[in-house]
Amino acid sequence: MAGIKITDLPAAPSALLTDVFPVDQLPGPITYKESNSQLLALFQTQMPSSVTGTTDQALVNGTTGTPQVGAVTLTLPQNIDPNCNFQCNSVQINTGLGLLDDDANEILALNPIALAVNYLEIQNNSTGSSPYLLATGSDANVNLNLSGSGTGYPILIGANTSIGYAVLSGTANQHTANIIFTNAATTQSITYLDTNQTVVATAAALTNGQLAIGNTGNLPTAATLSAGAGISIVNAAGSITISSSTSGMTWTTVVASVNPTVIDHGYVANSAGLLTFTLPALANVGDIIAVEGLGAGGWTMAANAGQTIKIGSATTSVAGSLSSVAASDNVYVTCIVQNTTWRVRSTNSAGLTIA
């Protein structure tokens, strides 16, 4: 039995039908007394219990309005009309526009390029791992371009208050550069002076007093400043204090000769007789000795053994001297070669005596 439609049952009972349905032949119209279970059993014997197809096949009906009868047909889906719209709940896909919302406003525009080989890939991920938006394709190396419209520009937004965003590089993302901003409601910018400038970041936090110091042909080096003679440097968190390590010249009024004189010391010669001030045997470059004349006896500055004193273009003899010609003459000398050579840095005199 290929199949039965109730509307096709004959007006009179037949042997074929009585094999399936009980028939009431009382006088009057013929009544077929088939139960639901009898109908179901009849249909199940005439219909396949399952259908097996191949990849991408689908079950299709016959011509519109005509139910599928006979053998079940599986076929590959036909091409979809390129001008059609597909709508799922409140999202539409339009081949001319892209992805639309339920008011037909564009959410995502798709812009095909002729002979395209590179494209975007969206990749999900498991718990604790981030999804990816990837540039991929048949090219070996593919950049990902992010662009604003007109004068607009890309904006990266993150809720982390300590790290603005991270840049990963390397074949296995093994290099990470964190862009860190202070947790403040202010705009912070990195400004390049011109197209040839480079902003260099240190690999680790600097210690107190460290600066990025230039290193020819290499990246800057993090280092502290070195204190020169007579200079002291104090480093603290966020500050560097540079000051003189000496308190300046110390002055003493004397009435007798001084041998040896003291580094960075000044003497007021106040005597009726001549006073002699002998330079120290040991001195560093930059050390200063001074003599101011006050007493009528005047003064002499004597070089020590192996020393000379330069004044202008002249030089004393070894272990020579400079002497005042008036009671008010003065002289300031500075060591210019360690231990051996001194130079007059200033003097008020009509002309010192050089010996």
Protein backbone atom coordinates (compact mmCIF):
# COMPACT_ATOMS: atom_id res chain seq x y z
CA MET A 1 0.00 0.00 0.00
CA ALA A 2 1.70 3.21 -1.18
CA GLY A 3 -0.43 5.66 0.86
CA ILE A 4 -4.03 6.69 1.73
CA LYS A 5 -5.81 10.01 1.89
CA ILE A 6 -9.01 9.90 3.95
CA THR A 7 -10.68 12.13 1.37
CA ASP A 8 -9.93 9.52 -1.31
CA LEU A 9 -11.79 6.68 0.46
CA PRO A 10 -14.57 5.16 -1.76
CA ALA A 11 -18.20 5.60 -0.96
CA ALA A 12 -18.64 1.80 -0.61
CA PRO A 13 -16.55 -0.60 1.48
CA SER A 14 -14.08 -2.84 -0.25
CA ALA A 15 -11.98 -5.79 0.75
CA LEU A 16 -8.83 -3.66 0.68
CA LEU A 17 -10.24 -1.15 3.14
CA THR A 18 -11.75 -3.65 5.49
CA ASP A 19 -8.29 -5.07 5.93
CA VAL A 20 -7.29 -1.76 7.53
CA PHE A 21 -10.38 -0.05 8.91
CA PRO A 22 -13.49 -1.57 10.57
CA VAL A 23 -16.60 -0.60 8.57
CA ASP A 24 -20.09 0.02 9.96
CA GLN A 25 -22.65 -1.08 7.28
CA LEU A 26 -25.82 -0.03 9.05
CA PRO A 27 -28.50 1.35 6.80
CA GLY A 28 -27.60 4.85 5.78
CA PRO A 29 -24.27 6.45 4.87
CA ILE A 30 -21.21 4.20 5.23
CA THR A 31 -19.10 5.05 8.32
CA TYR A 32 -15.40 4.18 8.59
CA LYS A 33 -14.46 3.73 12.25
CA GLU A 34 -10.67 4.19 12.15
CA SER A 35 -9.00 5.12 15.44
CA ASN A 36 -5.96 7.45 15.83
CA SER A 37 -3.70 4.53 16.65
CA GLN A 38 -4.91 2.69 13.54
CA LEU A 39 -4.17 5.70 11.34
CA LEU A 40 -0.73 6.13 12.91
CA ALA A 41 0.13 2.49 12.38
CA LEU A 42 -0.92 2.75 8.75
CA PHE A 43 1.18 5.88 8.13
CA GLN A 44 4.26 4.49 9.90
CA THR A 45 4.29 1.39 7.73
CA GLN A 46 4.32 3.56 4.60
CA MET A 47 6.93 6.21 5.68
CA PRO A 48 10.72 5.85 6.22
CA SER A 49 11.84 6.06 9.87
CA SER A 50 15.00 8.08 8.99
CA VAL A 51 16.79 9.62 6.03
CA THR A 52 20.57 9.68 5.51
CA GLY A 53 22.27 12.17 3.22
CA THR A 54 25.71 13.56 2.49
CA THR A 55 27.46 16.76 3.59
CA ASP A 56 25.62 19.99 2.69
CA GLN A 57 22.47 18.13 1.43
CA ALA A 58 19.03 19.30 2.51
CA LEU A 59 15.47 17.94 2.37
CA VAL A 60 13.41 19.89 -0.17
CA ASN A 61 9.76 19.79 -1.17
CA GLY A 62 8.27 19.75 -4.62
CA THR A 63 6.72 22.59 -6.52
CA THR A 64 5.10 25.28 -4.39
CA GLY A 65 1.70 24.09 -3.20
CA THR A 66 2.33 20.45 -4.10
CA PRO A 67 3.41 18.19 -1.18
CA GLN A 68 6.34 15.84 -1.69
CA VAL A 69 5.08 12.36 -2.53
CA GLY A 70 6.85 9.16 -3.34
CA ALA A 71 10.58 8.79 -2.67
CA VAL A 72 12.28 11.34 -0.35
CA THR A 73 14.65 13.65 -2.31
CA LEU A 74 17.92 15.01 -0.91
CA THR A 75 19.79 17.67 -2.84
CA LEU A 76 22.49 20.35 -2.43
CA PRO A 77 21.07 23.81 -1.51
CA GLN A 78 20.57 26.12 -4.45
CA ASN A 79 22.20 29.56 -4.77
CA ILE A 80 20.52 32.21 -2.66
CA ASP A 81 19.29 35.30 -4.46
CA PRO A 82 22.14 37.84 -4.16
CA ASN A 83 19.65 40.66 -3.58
CA CYS A 84 17.83 38.97 -0.72
CA ASN A 85 17.80 40.06 2.95
CA PHE A 86 18.18 37.65 5.85
CA GLN A 87 16.60 38.61 9.17
CA CYS A 88 17.01 36.87 12.53
CA ASN A 89 15.06 38.49 15.37
CA SER A 90 16.25 42.16 15.31
CA VAL A 91 19.43 41.75 13.18
CA GLN A 92 19.43 41.87 9.37
CA ILE A 93 22.13 40.94 6.87
CA ASN A 94 21.82 42.89 3.64
CA THR A 95 24.16 42.06 0.77
CA GLY A 96 24.22 45.67 -0.35
CA LEU A 97 24.72 47.29 3.06
CA GLY A 98 26.04 44.77 5.59
CA LEU A 99 24.73 44.15 9.10
CA LEU A 100 21.64 46.19 10.03
CA ASP A 101 19.69 46.69 13.25
CA ASP A 102 15.90 46.27 13.52
CA ASP A 103 15.46 49.86 12.23
CA ALA A 104 17.58 49.05 9.15
CA ASN A 105 20.47 51.22 10.40
CA GLU A 106 23.97 50.00 9.52
CA ILE A 107 25.91 48.25 12.31
CA LEU A 108 28.70 46.81 10.16
CA ALA A 109 29.42 47.69 6.53
CA LEU A 110 31.12 45.08 4.35
CA ASN A 111 33.30 46.55 1.60
CA PRO A 112 34.57 43.92 -0.86
CA ILE A 113 37.87 44.46 -2.71
CA ALA A 114 38.56 42.86 -6.08
CA LEU A 115 40.98 39.90 -5.92
CA ALA A 116 41.18 40.12 -2.12
CA VAL A 117 43.42 37.55 -0.40
CA ASN A 118 43.69 38.99 3.13
CA TYR A 119 40.84 39.29 5.60
CA LEU A 120 39.77 39.56 9.24
CA GLU A 121 39.36 36.57 11.53
CA ILE A 122 37.44 36.71 14.81
CA GLN A 123 38.51 34.05 17.28
CA ASN A 124 36.83 33.20 20.56
CA ASN A 125 38.64 31.72 23.56
CA SER A 126 38.25 29.64 26.70
CA THR A 127 37.82 30.79 30.30
CA GLY A 128 40.58 33.17 31.39
CA SER A 129 41.83 33.80 27.85
CA SER A 130 41.06 36.76 25.60
CA PRO A 131 39.37 36.55 22.18
CA TYR A 132 41.24 37.74 19.08
CA LEU A 133 40.62 40.01 16.12
CA LEU A 134 43.24 38.85 13.63
CA ALA A 135 44.50 39.99 10.25
CA THR A 136 45.17 36.90 8.17
CA GLY A 137 45.22 35.71 4.58
CA SER A 138 47.48 34.19 1.95
CA ASP A 139 50.20 36.84 2.39
CA ALA A 140 53.01 35.80 4.76
CA ASN A 141 52.80 39.05 6.75
CA VAL A 142 49.54 40.97 7.12
CA ASN A 143 49.12 44.24 9.03
CA LEU A 144 45.90 45.24 10.76
CA ASN A 145 44.77 48.78 9.91
CA LEU A 146 42.57 50.75 12.32
CA SER A 147 41.44 54.12 10.99
CA GLY A 148 39.07 56.88 11.97
CA SER A 149 36.92 58.83 9.52
CA GLY A 150 38.07 62.25 8.37
CA THR A 151 40.17 63.74 11.18
CA GLY A 152 38.97 61.07 13.62
CA TYR A 153 41.40 58.59 15.12
CA PRO A 154 41.29 55.16 16.84
CA ILE A 155 40.52 55.21 20.57
CA LEU A 156 41.42 52.34 22.92
CA ILE A 157 39.28 52.10 26.04
CA GLY A 158 40.07 50.03 29.13
CA ALA A 159 38.71 49.94 32.67
CA ASN A 160 42.05 49.06 34.27
CA THR A 161 43.17 52.04 36.41
CA SER A 162 46.85 51.04 36.50
CA ILE A 163 47.58 49.84 32.94
CA GLY A 164 46.08 51.79 30.05
CA TYR A 165 46.78 49.10 27.48
CA ALA A 166 49.44 46.55 26.58
CA VAL A 167 51.37 46.00 23.35
CA LEU A 168 52.57 42.42 22.76
CA SER A 169 55.16 41.42 20.16
CA GLY A 170 57.36 38.49 19.26
CA THR A 171 56.60 35.17 17.59
CA ALA A 172 54.90 33.94 20.78
CA ASN A 173 53.84 37.35 22.20
CA GLN A 174 56.77 37.03 24.61
CA HIS A 175 57.51 40.77 24.64
CA THR A 176 55.03 42.95 26.54
CA ALA A 177 55.04 46.76 26.76
CA ASN A 178 52.55 48.15 29.26
CA ILE A 179 51.38 51.74 28.76
CA ILE A 180 50.73 52.96 32.32
CA PHE A 181 48.83 56.09 33.32
CA THR A 182 48.21 57.54 36.75
CA ASN A 183 44.69 57.01 38.07
CA ALA A 184 43.59 60.57 37.48
CA ALA A 185 40.79 62.17 35.50
CA THR A 186 43.20 64.10 33.29
CA THR A 187 44.42 63.87 29.72
CA GLN A 188 48.01 62.66 29.39
CA SER A 189 49.94 62.85 26.13
CA ILE A 190 53.22 61.71 24.61
CA THR A 191 54.43 64.35 22.15
CA TYR A 192 57.07 63.70 19.48
CA LEU A 193 59.12 66.81 18.71
CA ASP A 194 59.31 66.02 14.98
CA THR A 195 59.22 63.06 12.63
CA ASN A 196 62.78 61.99 13.49
CA GLN A 197 62.37 61.85 17.26
CA THR A 198 62.17 58.65 19.30
CA VAL A 199 60.65 58.20 22.74
CA VAL A 200 62.77 55.72 24.71
CA ALA A 201 61.34 53.91 27.71
CA THR A 202 63.51 52.23 30.34
CA ALA A 203 63.13 48.51 30.95
CA ALA A 204 62.62 49.02 34.69
CA ALA A 205 61.80 51.74 37.19
CA LEU A 206 64.64 54.17 37.94
CA THR A 207 66.10 54.49 41.42
CA ASN A 208 66.32 57.80 43.31
CA GLY A 209 68.45 60.30 41.38
CA GLN A 210 68.81 58.25 38.21
CA LEU A 211 68.49 59.94 34.82
CA ALA A 212 68.41 58.64 31.24
CA ILE A 213 71.87 59.71 30.01
CA GLY A 214 72.82 59.65 26.33
CA ASN A 215 75.12 56.91 25.09
CA THR A 216 76.42 57.52 21.53
CA GLY A 217 75.07 54.93 19.11
CA ASN A 218 73.13 53.15 21.84
CA LEU A 219 70.00 53.58 23.90
CA PRO A 220 70.28 55.97 26.88
CA THR A 221 71.75 54.57 30.10
CA ALA A 222 70.10 54.98 33.50
CA ALA A 223 72.72 56.50 35.82
CA THR A 224 73.20 59.04 38.62
CA LEU A 225 75.20 62.25 38.40
CA SER A 226 78.79 62.29 39.70
CA ALA A 227 79.85 65.05 42.08
CA GLY A 228 82.97 67.01 41.11
CA ALA A 229 85.40 68.74 43.44
CA GLY A 230 83.62 70.96 45.94
CA ILE A 231 80.18 69.66 44.87
CA SER A 232 77.78 67.45 46.78
CA ILE A 233 74.76 65.63 45.30
CA VAL A 234 71.85 64.31 47.36
CA ASN A 235 69.40 62.00 45.57
CA ALA A 236 65.86 61.51 46.84
CA ALA A 237 62.54 60.23 45.51
CA GLY A 238 61.69 62.57 42.64
CA SER A 239 64.47 65.08 43.35
CA ILE A 240 68.21 65.76 42.97
CA THR A 241 69.88 68.41 45.16
CA ILE A 242 73.22 69.77 43.93
CA SER A 243 75.20 72.09 46.21
CA SER A 244 78.71 73.19 47.07
CA SER A 245 80.42 70.91 49.57
CA THR A 246 82.45 73.79 51.03
CA SER A 247 81.29 76.75 53.01
CA GLY A 248 83.46 79.18 50.94
CA MET A 249 86.64 80.89 52.01
CA THR A 250 87.47 80.96 55.67
CA TRP A 251 89.26 84.14 56.75
CA THR A 252 91.71 84.78 59.55
CA THR A 253 93.53 87.97 60.56
CA VAL A 254 97.13 87.18 61.41
CA VAL A 255 100.11 89.12 62.84
CA ALA A 256 102.70 86.38 62.17
CA SER A 257 103.86 84.41 59.15
CA VAL A 258 101.91 81.21 58.20
CA ASN A 259 103.70 78.03 57.01
CA PRO A 260 101.95 76.17 55.45
CA THR A 261 98.78 77.98 54.56
CA VAL A 262 95.44 76.08 54.60
CA ILE A 263 93.49 75.20 51.46
CA ASP A 264 90.48 77.46 50.76
CA HIS A 265 91.63 79.89 53.42
CA GLY A 266 92.14 83.64 53.34
CA TYR A 267 94.52 85.63 55.51
CA VAL A 268 94.51 89.30 56.46
CA ALA A 269 98.13 90.36 56.97
CA ASN A 270 98.05 92.92 59.81
CA SER A 271 101.59 93.54 61.02
CA ALA A 272 104.12 96.34 61.06
CA GLY A 273 106.66 93.82 59.84
CA LEU A 274 106.76 91.67 56.68
CA LEU A 275 104.60 88.45 56.87
CA THR A 276 105.32 85.39 54.71
CA PHE A 277 102.57 82.97 53.59
CA THR A 278 103.98 79.65 52.31
CA LEU A 279 101.80 77.56 49.96
CA PRO A 280 100.93 74.00 51.10
CA ALA A 281 103.03 71.19 49.60
CA LEU A 282 99.90 69.22 48.64
CA ALA A 283 97.00 70.77 46.75
CA ASN A 284 94.27 69.67 44.30
CA VAL A 285 93.21 71.49 41.18
CA GLY A 286 90.78 74.25 42.14
CA ASP A 287 92.12 74.80 45.68
CA ILE A 288 92.40 78.49 46.60
CA ILE A 289 94.69 80.57 48.90
CA ALA A 290 94.20 84.35 49.43
CA VAL A 291 96.09 87.15 51.19
CA GLU A 292 94.73 90.66 51.93
CA GLY A 293 97.21 93.34 53.00
CA LEU A 294 96.34 95.54 56.01
CA GLY A 295 99.47 96.20 58.12
CA ALA A 296 102.27 98.49 57.01
CA GLY A 297 104.78 95.63 56.89
CA GLY A 298 103.25 94.07 53.72
CA TRP A 299 103.34 90.37 52.76
CA THR A 300 105.09 87.73 50.63
CA MET A 301 103.47 84.57 49.17
CA ALA A 302 106.16 81.90 48.90
CA ALA A 303 105.96 78.80 46.69
CA ASN A 304 106.91 75.52 48.29
CA ALA A 305 109.69 73.21 47.03
CA GLY A 306 109.01 72.19 43.41
CA GLN A 307 106.24 74.79 42.96
CA THR A 308 105.82 77.85 40.73
CA ILE A 309 103.24 80.68 40.61
CA LYS A 310 102.01 82.07 37.28
CA ILE A 311 100.86 85.70 37.00
CA GLY A 312 99.74 86.83 33.58
CA SER A 313 102.42 85.74 31.14
CA ALA A 314 105.11 85.68 33.87
CA THR A 315 106.08 82.81 36.18
CA THR A 316 108.03 82.79 39.41
CA SER A 317 111.12 80.70 39.74
CA VAL A 318 110.78 77.26 41.33
CA ALA A 319 110.08 77.84 45.03
CA GLY A 320 109.93 81.54 44.16
CA SER A 321 107.55 84.20 45.49
CA LEU A 322 105.17 87.11 44.93
CA SER A 323 105.39 90.18 47.22
CA SER A 324 103.21 93.24 47.80
CA VAL A 325 104.49 96.73 46.91
CA ALA A 326 101.88 98.53 49.00
CA ALA A 327 100.32 97.73 52.35
CA SER A 328 96.82 97.30 50.80
CA ASP A 329 97.83 94.89 47.99
CA ASN A 330 96.00 91.54 47.80
CA VAL A 331 96.30 88.29 45.83
CA TYR A 332 94.13 85.21 45.18
CA VAL A 333 95.85 82.11 43.74
CA THR A 334 94.33 78.82 42.45
CA CYS A 335 96.05 75.45 42.06
CA ILE A 336 95.98 74.54 38.34
CA VAL A 337 98.30 71.51 38.38
CA GLN A 338 98.06 69.22 41.37
CA ASN A 339 100.73 70.05 44.01
CA THR A 340 103.04 71.96 41.66
CA THR A 341 101.53 74.94 39.84
CA TRP A 342 99.45 77.90 41.01
CA ARG A 343 97.98 80.83 39.07
CA VAL A 344 96.99 84.31 40.23
CA ARG A 345 93.25 84.52 39.63
CA SER A 346 92.97 88.15 40.82
CA THR A 347 95.01 90.92 42.46
CA ASN A 348 94.67 94.60 43.36
CA SER A 349 98.14 96.01 43.11
CA ALA A 350 100.18 98.50 41.13
CA GLY A 351 102.44 95.54 40.36
CA LEU A 352 103.50 92.64 42.55
CA THR A 353 107.17 91.79 42.87
CA ILE A 354 107.94 88.48 41.14
CA ALA A 355 110.89 86.43 42.32
